Protein backbone atom coordinates (compact mmCIF):
# COMPACT_ATOMS: atom_id res chain seq x y z
CA UNK A 1 0.00 0.00 0.00
CA UNK A 2 1.14 3.52 -0.66
CA UNK A 3 -0.15 6.66 1.04
CA UNK A 4 0.48 10.24 -0.04
CA UNK A 5 -0.74 13.78 0.38
CA UNK A 6 -0.68 15.90 -2.78
CA UNK A 7 -2.01 19.25 -3.93
CA UNK A 8 -4.23 20.03 -6.86
CA UNK A 9 -2.47 21.83 -9.71
CA UNK A 10 -4.07 25.11 -8.66
CA UNK A 11 -2.81 24.47 -5.08
CA UNK A 12 -6.28 25.14 -3.68
CA UNK A 13 -6.99 21.68 -2.29
CA UNK A 14 -5.12 18.78 -0.77
CA UNK A 15 -5.60 15.27 -2.11
CA UNK A 16 -5.31 12.10 -0.01
CA UNK A 17 -3.97 9.27 -2.16
CA UNK A 18 -4.18 5.63 -1.10
CA UNK A 19 -2.93 2.93 -3.45
CA UNK A 20 -3.90 -0.64 -2.67
CA UNK A 21 -1.98 -3.72 -3.72
CA UNK A 22 -3.53 -7.06 -4.57
CA UNK A 23 -2.79 -8.34 -1.03
CA UNK A 24 -4.76 -5.38 0.39
CA UNK A 25 -7.73 -6.24 -1.83
CA UNK A 26 -7.62 -9.85 -0.62
CA UNK A 27 -7.79 -8.68 3.00
CA UNK A 28 -10.72 -6.39 2.23
CA UNK A 29 -12.50 -9.26 0.45
CA UNK A 30 -12.15 -11.32 3.64
CA UNK A 31 -13.91 -8.57 5.59
CA UNK A 32 -10.69 -7.30 7.20
CA UNK A 33 -10.60 -3.49 7.13
CA UNK A 34 -7.31 -1.65 6.67
CA UNK A 35 -6.65 0.84 9.45
CA UNK A 36 -3.77 3.27 9.88
CA UNK A 37 -2.85 6.38 11.83
CA UNK A 38 -2.39 9.35 9.49
CA UNK A 39 -0.25 11.38 11.92
CA UNK A 40 2.89 10.42 9.98
CA UNK A 41 1.32 11.88 6.83
CA UNK A 42 0.89 15.28 8.45
CA UNK A 43 -2.75 14.67 9.35
CA UNK A 44 -2.62 14.74 13.16
CA UNK A 45 -5.50 13.20 15.03
CA UNK A 46 -6.81 11.34 11.99
CA UNK A 47 -7.16 7.59 11.63
CA UNK A 48 -8.02 6.13 8.22
CA UNK A 49 -10.25 3.06 7.91
CA UNK A 50 -10.60 1.45 4.48
CA UNK A 51 -13.42 -1.05 4.17
CA UNK A 52 -14.70 -3.21 1.34
CA UNK A 53 -17.73 -5.34 0.67
CA UNK A 54 -20.24 -6.53 -1.88
CA UNK A 55 -23.19 -4.56 -0.54
CA UNK A 56 -24.04 -1.43 1.41
CA UNK A 57 -24.96 -3.67 4.35
CA UNK A 58 -21.50 -5.30 4.26
CA UNK A 59 -19.88 -1.89 4.54
CA UNK A 60 -22.11 -0.73 7.41
CA UNK A 61 -21.43 -3.98 9.31
CA UNK A 62 -17.68 -3.31 9.12
CA UNK A 63 -18.10 0.24 10.39
CA UNK A 64 -19.91 -0.77 13.56
CA UNK A 65 -17.03 -1.83 15.84
CA UNK A 66 -14.78 1.13 15.08
CA UNK A 67 -17.02 4.18 15.18
CA UNK A 68 -18.98 6.17 17.72
CA UNK A 69 -22.71 6.80 17.89
CA UNK A 70 -22.44 10.28 16.35
CA UNK A 71 -20.85 9.05 13.12
CA UNK A 72 -22.54 10.33 9.96
CA UNK A 73 -22.00 8.20 6.86
CA UNK A 74 -22.06 9.95 3.48
CA UNK A 75 -23.24 7.51 0.83
CA UNK A 76 -23.64 8.93 -2.69
CA UNK A 77 -24.97 12.21 -1.38
CA UNK A 78 -27.23 10.71 1.27
CA UNK A 79 -26.42 11.06 4.95
CA UNK A 80 -27.11 8.29 7.42
CA UNK A 81 -26.33 8.12 11.11
CA UNK A 82 -24.96 4.79 12.30
PDB file of N, CA and C in Angstrom:
ATOM      1  N   UNK A   1       0.856  -1.171   0.000  1.00  0.00           N
ATOM      2  CA  UNK A   1       0.000   0.000   0.000  1.00  0.00           C
ATOM      3  C   UNK A   1       0.898   1.228   0.000  1.00  0.00           C
ATOM      4  N   UNK A   2       0.461   2.241  -0.737  1.00  0.00           N
ATOM      5  CA  UNK A   2       1.142   3.523  -0.656  1.00  0.00           C
ATOM      6  C   UNK A   2       0.145   4.566  -0.171  1.00  0.00           C
ATOM      7  N   UNK A   3       0.669   5.569   0.523  1.00  0.00           N
ATOM      8  CA  UNK A   3      -0.146   6.662   1.044  1.00  0.00           C
ATOM      9  C   UNK A   3       0.583   7.953   0.717  1.00  0.00           C
ATOM     10  N   UNK A   4      -0.145   8.965   0.287  1.00  0.00           N
ATOM     11  CA  UNK A   4       0.483  10.238  -0.038  1.00  0.00           C
ATOM     12  C   UNK A   4      -0.511  11.375   0.151  1.00  0.00           C
ATOM     13  N   UNK A   5       0.040  12.548   0.379  1.00  0.00           N
ATOM     14  CA  UNK A   5      -0.739  13.782   0.383  1.00  0.00           C
ATOM     15  C   UNK A   5      -0.199  14.620  -0.776  1.00  0.00           C
ATOM     16  N   UNK A   6      -1.078  15.084  -1.638  1.00  0.00           N
ATOM     17  CA  UNK A   6      -0.681  15.896  -2.784  1.00  0.00           C
ATOM     18  C   UNK A   6      -1.524  17.168  -2.785  1.00  0.00           C
ATOM     19  N   UNK A   7      -1.219  18.046  -3.716  1.00  0.00           N
ATOM     20  CA  UNK A   7      -2.014  19.250  -3.927  1.00  0.00           C
ATOM     21  C   UNK A   7      -2.566  19.225  -5.339  1.00  0.00           C
ATOM     22  N   UNK A   8      -3.726  19.849  -5.511  1.00  0.00           N
ATOM     23  CA  UNK A   8      -4.228  20.026  -6.863  1.00  0.00           C
ATOM     24  C   UNK A   8      -3.299  20.988  -7.600  1.00  0.00           C
ATOM     25  N   UNK A   9      -3.364  20.981  -8.923  1.00  0.00           N
ATOM     26  CA  UNK A   9      -2.469  21.833  -9.712  1.00  0.00           C
ATOM     27  C   UNK A   9      -2.627  23.308  -9.372  1.00  0.00           C
ATOM     28  N   UNK A  10      -3.854  23.709  -9.020  1.00  0.00           N
ATOM     29  CA  UNK A  10      -4.066  25.113  -8.664  1.00  0.00           C
ATOM     30  C   UNK A  10      -3.718  25.398  -7.203  1.00  0.00           C
ATOM     31  N   UNK A  11      -3.259  24.365  -6.481  1.00  0.00           N
ATOM     32  CA  UNK A  11      -2.812  24.468  -5.083  1.00  0.00           C
ATOM     33  C   UNK A  11      -3.916  24.926  -4.137  1.00  0.00           C
ATOM     34  N   UNK A  12      -5.168  24.699  -4.525  1.00  0.00           N
ATOM     35  CA  UNK A  12      -6.285  25.144  -3.679  1.00  0.00           C
ATOM     36  C   UNK A  12      -6.799  24.050  -2.761  1.00  0.00           C
ATOM     37  N   UNK A  13      -6.491  22.786  -3.103  1.00  0.00           N
ATOM     38  CA  UNK A  13      -6.995  21.677  -2.290  1.00  0.00           C
ATOM     39  C   UNK A  13      -5.922  20.618  -2.121  1.00  0.00           C
ATOM     40  N   UNK A  14      -5.994  19.934  -0.988  1.00  0.00           N
ATOM     41  CA  UNK A  14      -5.120  18.784  -0.774  1.00  0.00           C
ATOM     42  C   UNK A  14      -5.838  17.527  -1.240  1.00  0.00           C
ATOM     43  N   UNK A  15      -5.057  16.535  -1.640  1.00  0.00           N
ATOM     44  CA  UNK A  15      -5.596  15.268  -2.111  1.00  0.00           C
ATOM     45  C   UNK A  15      -4.959  14.144  -1.310  1.00  0.00           C
ATOM     46  N   UNK A  16      -5.784  13.294  -0.713  1.00  0.00           N
ATOM     47  CA  UNK A  16      -5.309  12.102  -0.011  1.00  0.00           C
ATOM     48  C   UNK A  16      -5.291  10.972  -1.026  1.00  0.00           C
ATOM     49  N   UNK A  17      -4.128  10.359  -1.201  1.00  0.00           N
ATOM     50  CA  UNK A  17      -3.974   9.268  -2.163  1.00  0.00           C
ATOM     51  C   UNK A  17      -3.667   7.987  -1.399  1.00  0.00           C
ATOM     52  N   UNK A  18      -4.421   6.942  -1.683  1.00  0.00           N
ATOM     53  CA  UNK A  18      -4.181   5.630  -1.099  1.00  0.00           C
ATOM     54  C   UNK A  18      -4.174   4.630  -2.240  1.00  0.00           C
ATOM     55  N   UNK A  19      -3.055   3.946  -2.407  1.00  0.00           N
ATOM     56  CA  UNK A  19      -2.928   2.933  -3.453  1.00  0.00           C
ATOM     57  C   UNK A  19      -2.902   1.555  -2.820  1.00  0.00           C
ATOM     58  N   UNK A  20      -3.801   0.704  -3.242  1.00  0.00           N
ATOM     59  CA  UNK A  20      -3.904  -0.637  -2.672  1.00  0.00           C
ATOM     60  C   UNK A  20      -3.278  -1.671  -3.601  1.00  0.00           C
ATOM     61  N   UNK A  21      -2.567  -2.597  -2.994  1.00  0.00           N
ATOM     62  CA  UNK A  21      -1.978  -3.721  -3.718  1.00  0.00           C
ATOM     63  C   UNK A  21      -2.946  -4.896  -3.694  1.00  0.00           C
ATOM     64  N   UNK A  22      -2.673  -5.887  -4.504  1.00  0.00           N
ATOM     65  CA  UNK A  22      -3.534  -7.064  -4.570  1.00  0.00           C
ATOM     66  C   UNK A  22      -3.738  -7.699  -3.181  1.00  0.00           C
ATOM     67  N   UNK A  23      -2.682  -7.754  -2.381  1.00  0.00           N
ATOM     68  CA  UNK A  23      -2.793  -8.335  -1.032  1.00  0.00           C
ATOM     69  C   UNK A  23      -3.779  -7.541  -0.182  1.00  0.00           C
ATOM     70  N   UNK A  24      -3.800  -6.210  -0.336  1.00  0.00           N
ATOM     71  CA  UNK A  24      -4.764  -5.384   0.393  1.00  0.00           C
ATOM     72  C   UNK A  24      -6.186  -5.719  -0.027  1.00  0.00           C
ATOM     73  N   UNK A  25      -6.394  -5.901  -1.334  1.00  0.00           N
ATOM     74  CA  UNK A  25      -7.732  -6.243  -1.831  1.00  0.00           C
ATOM     75  C   UNK A  25      -8.189  -7.587  -1.267  1.00  0.00           C
ATOM     76  N   UNK A  26      -7.256  -8.537  -1.174  1.00  0.00           N
ATOM     77  CA  UNK A  26      -7.623  -9.852  -0.615  1.00  0.00           C
ATOM     78  C   UNK A  26      -8.084  -9.719   0.829  1.00  0.00           C
ATOM     79  N   UNK A  27      -7.390  -8.894   1.604  1.00  0.00           N
ATOM     80  CA  UNK A  27      -7.791  -8.682   3.002  1.00  0.00           C
ATOM     81  C   UNK A  27      -9.172  -8.032   3.079  1.00  0.00           C
ATOM     82  N   UNK A  28      -9.408  -7.038   2.247  1.00  0.00           N
ATOM     83  CA  UNK A  28     -10.720  -6.391   2.232  1.00  0.00           C
ATOM     84  C   UNK A  28     -11.810  -7.382   1.842  1.00  0.00           C
ATOM     85  N   UNK A  29     -11.526  -8.261   0.890  1.00  0.00           N
ATOM     86  CA  UNK A  29     -12.505  -9.262   0.451  1.00  0.00           C
ATOM     87  C   UNK A  29     -12.841 -10.245   1.571  1.00  0.00           C
ATOM     88  N   UNK A  30     -11.914 -10.436   2.493  1.00  0.00           N
ATOM     89  CA  UNK A  30     -12.154 -11.317   3.641  1.00  0.00           C
ATOM     90  C   UNK A  30     -12.868 -10.594   4.772  1.00  0.00           C
ATOM     91  N   UNK A  31     -13.219  -9.333   4.550  1.00  0.00           N
ATOM     92  CA  UNK A  31     -13.905  -8.568   5.594  1.00  0.00           C
ATOM     93  C   UNK A  31     -12.965  -7.984   6.628  1.00  0.00           C
ATOM     94  N   UNK A  32     -11.695  -7.858   6.282  1.00  0.00           N
ATOM     95  CA  UNK A  32     -10.694  -7.305   7.201  1.00  0.00           C
ATOM     96  C   UNK A  32     -10.346  -5.883   6.779  1.00  0.00           C
ATOM     97  N   UNK A  33     -10.884  -4.887   7.475  1.00  0.00           N
ATOM     98  CA  UNK A  33     -10.596  -3.494   7.126  1.00  0.00           C
ATOM     99  C   UNK A  33      -9.102  -3.162   7.280  1.00  0.00           C
ATOM    100  N   UNK A  34      -8.669  -2.163   6.558  1.00  0.00           N
ATOM    101  CA  UNK A  34      -7.308  -1.650   6.673  1.00  0.00           C
ATOM    102  C   UNK A  34      -7.396  -0.370   7.491  1.00  0.00           C
ATOM    103  N   UNK A  35      -6.594  -0.291   8.538  1.00  0.00           N
ATOM    104  CA  UNK A  35      -6.646   0.844   9.451  1.00  0.00           C
ATOM    105  C   UNK A  35      -5.231   1.376   9.645  1.00  0.00           C
ATOM    106  N   UNK A  36      -5.069   2.697   9.556  1.00  0.00           N
ATOM    107  CA  UNK A  36      -3.771   3.274   9.881  1.00  0.00           C
ATOM    108  C   UNK A  36      -3.935   4.678  10.455  1.00  0.00           C
ATOM    109  N   UNK A  37      -2.923   5.077  11.204  1.00  0.00           N
ATOM    110  CA  UNK A  37      -2.852   6.379  11.826  1.00  0.00           C
ATOM    111  C   UNK A  37      -2.220   7.332  10.816  1.00  0.00           C
ATOM    112  N   UNK A  38      -2.878   8.430  10.510  1.00  0.00           N
ATOM    113  CA  UNK A  38      -2.390   9.355   9.488  1.00  0.00           C
ATOM    114  C   UNK A  38      -1.495  10.460  10.056  1.00  0.00           C
ATOM    115  N   UNK A  39      -1.148  10.368  11.333  1.00  0.00           N
ATOM    116  CA  UNK A  39      -0.254  11.376  11.919  1.00  0.00           C
ATOM    117  C   UNK A  39       1.037  11.520  11.122  1.00  0.00           C
ATOM    118  N   UNK A  40       1.614  10.382  10.699  1.00  0.00           N
ATOM    119  CA  UNK A  40       2.894  10.419   9.975  1.00  0.00           C
ATOM    120  C   UNK A  40       2.769  11.069   8.601  1.00  0.00           C
ATOM    121  N   UNK A  41       1.547  11.243   8.126  1.00  0.00           N
ATOM    122  CA  UNK A  41       1.317  11.884   6.831  1.00  0.00           C
ATOM    123  C   UNK A  41       1.031  13.373   6.992  1.00  0.00           C
ATOM    124  N   UNK A  42       1.180  13.877   8.208  1.00  0.00           N
ATOM    125  CA  UNK A  42       0.889  15.284   8.452  1.00  0.00           C
ATOM    126  C   UNK A  42      -0.578  15.557   8.686  1.00  0.00           C
ATOM    127  N   UNK A  43      -1.325  14.524   9.054  1.00  0.00           N
ATOM    128  CA  UNK A  43      -2.752  14.668   9.351  1.00  0.00           C
ATOM    129  C   UNK A  43      -2.983  14.269  10.804  1.00  0.00           C
ATOM    130  N   UNK A  44      -2.541  15.103  11.750  1.00  0.00           N
ATOM    131  CA  UNK A  44      -2.617  14.741  13.156  1.00  0.00           C
ATOM    132  C   UNK A  44      -4.050  14.515  13.632  1.00  0.00           C
ATOM    133  N   UNK A  45      -4.199  13.509  14.457  1.00  0.00           N
ATOM    134  CA  UNK A  45      -5.498  13.202  15.031  1.00  0.00           C
ATOM    135  C   UNK A  45      -6.452  12.486  14.099  1.00  0.00           C
ATOM    136  N   UNK A  46      -5.948  12.007  12.962  1.00  0.00           N
ATOM    137  CA  UNK A  46      -6.814  11.342  11.995  1.00  0.00           C
ATOM    138  C   UNK A  46      -6.407   9.886  11.824  1.00  0.00           C
ATOM    139  N   UNK A  47      -7.351   8.993  11.977  1.00  0.00           N
ATOM    140  CA  UNK A  47      -7.162   7.588  11.632  1.00  0.00           C
ATOM    141  C   UNK A  47      -7.902   7.349  10.320  1.00  0.00           C
ATOM    142  N   UNK A  48      -7.374   6.471   9.493  1.00  0.00           N
ATOM    143  CA  UNK A  48      -8.016   6.127   8.224  1.00  0.00           C
ATOM    144  C   UNK A  48      -8.452   4.673   8.296  1.00  0.00           C
ATOM    145  N   UNK A  49      -9.696   4.409   7.936  1.00  0.00           N
ATOM    146  CA  UNK A  49     -10.245   3.063   7.910  1.00  0.00           C
ATOM    147  C   UNK A  49     -10.760   2.812   6.497  1.00  0.00           C
ATOM    148  N   UNK A  50     -10.173   1.821   5.831  1.00  0.00           N
ATOM    149  CA  UNK A  50     -10.600   1.455   4.480  1.00  0.00           C
ATOM    150  C   UNK A  50     -11.358   0.145   4.586  1.00  0.00           C
ATOM    151  N   UNK A  51     -12.584   0.138   4.086  1.00  0.00           N
ATOM    152  CA  UNK A  51     -13.416  -1.054   4.167  1.00  0.00           C
ATOM    153  C   UNK A  51     -13.822  -1.476   2.763  1.00  0.00           C
ATOM    154  N   UNK A  52     -14.245  -2.709   2.622  1.00  0.00           N
ATOM    155  CA  UNK A  52     -14.705  -3.207   1.336  1.00  0.00           C
ATOM    156  C   UNK A  52     -15.796  -4.238   1.539  1.00  0.00           C
ATOM    157  N   UNK A  53     -16.663  -4.368   0.575  1.00  0.00           N
ATOM    158  CA  UNK A  53     -17.732  -5.342   0.672  1.00  0.00           C
ATOM    159  C   UNK A  53     -18.546  -5.376  -0.603  1.00  0.00           C
ATOM    160  N   UNK A  54     -19.404  -6.364  -0.700  1.00  0.00           N
ATOM    161  CA  UNK A  54     -20.240  -6.527  -1.884  1.00  0.00           C
ATOM    162  C   UNK A  54     -21.491  -5.658  -1.861  1.00  0.00           C
ATOM    163  N   UNK A  55     -21.945  -5.312  -0.651  1.00  0.00           N
ATOM    164  CA  UNK A  55     -23.195  -4.556  -0.539  1.00  0.00           C
ATOM    165  C   UNK A  55     -23.028  -3.426   0.475  1.00  0.00           C
ATOM    166  N   UNK A  56     -23.985  -2.529   0.435  1.00  0.00           N
ATOM    167  CA  UNK A  56     -24.038  -1.431   1.413  1.00  0.00           C
ATOM    168  C   UNK A  56     -24.066  -2.003   2.826  1.00  0.00           C
ATOM    169  N   UNK A  57     -24.830  -3.052   3.025  1.00  0.00           N
ATOM    170  CA  UNK A  57     -24.955  -3.669   4.347  1.00  0.00           C
ATOM    171  C   UNK A  57     -23.615  -4.229   4.824  1.00  0.00           C
ATOM    172  N   UNK A  58     -22.835  -4.806   3.908  1.00  0.00           N
ATOM    173  CA  UNK A  58     -21.500  -5.299   4.260  1.00  0.00           C
ATOM    174  C   UNK A  58     -20.636  -4.162   4.799  1.00  0.00           C
ATOM    175  N   UNK A  59     -20.696  -3.030   4.132  1.00  0.00           N
ATOM    176  CA  UNK A  59     -19.880  -1.886   4.544  1.00  0.00           C
ATOM    177  C   UNK A  59     -20.308  -1.368   5.909  1.00  0.00           C
ATOM    178  N   UNK A  60     -21.600  -1.222   6.127  1.00  0.00           N
ATOM    179  CA  UNK A  60     -22.109  -0.729   7.407  1.00  0.00           C
ATOM    180  C   UNK A  60     -21.725  -1.686   8.533  1.00  0.00           C
ATOM    181  N   UNK A  61     -21.788  -2.994   8.282  1.00  0.00           N
ATOM    182  CA  UNK A  61     -21.427  -3.980   9.305  1.00  0.00           C
ATOM    183  C   UNK A  61     -19.969  -3.826   9.727  1.00  0.00           C
ATOM    184  N   UNK A  62     -19.092  -3.487   8.787  1.00  0.00           N
ATOM    185  CA  UNK A  62     -17.682  -3.315   9.119  1.00  0.00           C
ATOM    186  C   UNK A  62     -17.432  -2.019   9.879  1.00  0.00           C
ATOM    187  N   UNK A  63     -18.256  -1.020   9.681  1.00  0.00           N
ATOM    188  CA  UNK A  63     -18.096   0.243  10.394  1.00  0.00           C
ATOM    189  C   UNK A  63     -18.397   0.104  11.876  1.00  0.00           C
ATOM    190  N   UNK A  64     -19.389  -0.674  12.203  1.00  0.00           N
ATOM    191  CA  UNK A  64     -19.909  -0.766  13.558  1.00  0.00           C
ATOM    192  C   UNK A  64     -18.896  -0.790  14.682  1.00  0.00           C
ATOM    193  N   UNK A  65     -17.941  -1.724  14.698  1.00  0.00           N
ATOM    194  CA  UNK A  65     -17.033  -1.834  15.841  1.00  0.00           C
ATOM    195  C   UNK A  65     -16.079  -0.656  16.025  1.00  0.00           C
ATOM    196  N   UNK A  66     -15.820   0.120  14.970  1.00  0.00           N
ATOM    197  CA  UNK A  66     -14.782   1.126  15.077  1.00  0.00           C
ATOM    198  C   UNK A  66     -15.234   2.567  15.136  1.00  0.00           C
ATOM    199  N   UNK A  67     -16.550   2.801  15.224  1.00  0.00           N
ATOM    200  CA  UNK A  67     -17.023   4.182  15.179  1.00  0.00           C
ATOM    201  C   UNK A  67     -17.946   4.471  16.348  1.00  0.00           C
ATOM    202  N   UNK A  68     -18.109   5.751  16.627  1.00  0.00           N
ATOM    203  CA  UNK A  68     -18.979   6.172  17.717  1.00  0.00           C
ATOM    204  C   UNK A  68     -20.399   6.408  17.249  1.00  0.00           C
ATOM    205  N   UNK A  69     -21.295   6.647  18.203  1.00  0.00           N
ATOM    206  CA  UNK A  69     -22.714   6.795  17.886  1.00  0.00           C
ATOM    207  C   UNK A  69     -23.056   8.060  17.092  1.00  0.00           C
ATOM    208  N   UNK A  70     -22.167   9.038  17.066  1.00  0.00           N
ATOM    209  CA  UNK A  70     -22.439  10.280  16.352  1.00  0.00           C
ATOM    210  C   UNK A  70     -21.899  10.280  14.925  1.00  0.00           C
ATOM    211  N   UNK A  71     -21.423   9.131  14.461  1.00  0.00           N
ATOM    212  CA  UNK A  71     -20.853   9.050  13.116  1.00  0.00           C
ATOM    213  C   UNK A  71     -21.930   9.254  12.060  1.00  0.00           C
ATOM    214  N   UNK A  72     -21.638  10.112  11.092  1.00  0.00           N
ATOM    215  CA  UNK A  72     -22.535  10.328   9.961  1.00  0.00           C
ATOM    216  C   UNK A  72     -21.851   9.751   8.730  1.00  0.00           C
ATOM    217  N   UNK A  73     -22.523   8.845   8.054  1.00  0.00           N
ATOM    218  CA  UNK A  73     -21.996   8.196   6.862  1.00  0.00           C
ATOM    219  C   UNK A  73     -22.545   8.915   5.641  1.00  0.00           C
ATOM    220  N   UNK A  74     -21.656   9.306   4.733  1.00  0.00           N
ATOM    221  CA  UNK A  74     -22.057   9.952   3.484  1.00  0.00           C
ATOM    222  C   UNK A  74     -21.995   8.895   2.386  1.00  0.00           C
ATOM    223  N   UNK A  75     -23.144   8.570   1.834  1.00  0.00           N
ATOM    224  CA  UNK A  75     -23.244   7.510   0.834  1.00  0.00           C
ATOM    225  C   UNK A  75     -23.909   8.082  -0.409  1.00  0.00           C
ATOM    226  N   UNK A  76     -23.110   8.390  -1.426  1.00  0.00           N
ATOM    227  CA  UNK A  76     -23.641   8.927  -2.686  1.00  0.00           C
ATOM    228  C   UNK A  76     -24.595  10.097  -2.463  1.00  0.00           C
ATOM    229  N   UNK A  77     -24.168  11.015  -1.600  1.00  0.00           N
ATOM    230  CA  UNK A  77     -24.966  12.209  -1.378  1.00  0.00           C
ATOM    231  C   UNK A  77     -26.000  12.104  -0.277  1.00  0.00           C
ATOM    232  N   UNK A  78     -26.298  10.890   0.171  1.00  0.00           N
ATOM    233  CA  UNK A  78     -27.230  10.710   1.265  1.00  0.00           C
ATOM    234  C   UNK A  78     -26.444  10.709   2.567  1.00  0.00           C
ATOM    235  N   UNK A  79     -27.058  11.127   3.649  1.00  0.00           N
ATOM    236  CA  UNK A  79     -26.421  11.063   4.950  1.00  0.00           C
ATOM    237  C   UNK A  79     -27.203  10.108   5.827  1.00  0.00           C
ATOM    238  N   UNK A  80     -26.480   9.232   6.506  1.00  0.00           N
ATOM    239  CA  UNK A  80     -27.106   8.285   7.416  1.00  0.00           C
ATOM    240  C   UNK A  80     -26.322   8.287   8.713  1.00  0.00           C
ATOM    241  N   UNK A  81     -27.006   8.224   9.817  1.00  0.00           N
ATOM    242  CA  UNK A  81     -26.331   8.119  11.107  1.00  0.00           C
ATOM    243  C   UNK A  81     -26.294   6.660  11.517  1.00  0.00           C
ATOM    244  N   UNK A  82     -25.117   6.191  11.900  1.00  0.00           N
ATOM    245  CA  UNK A  82     -24.958   4.785  12.304  1.00  0.00           C
ATOM    246  C   UNK A  82     -24.349   4.697  13.676  1.00  0.00           C
TER     247      UNK A  82
END
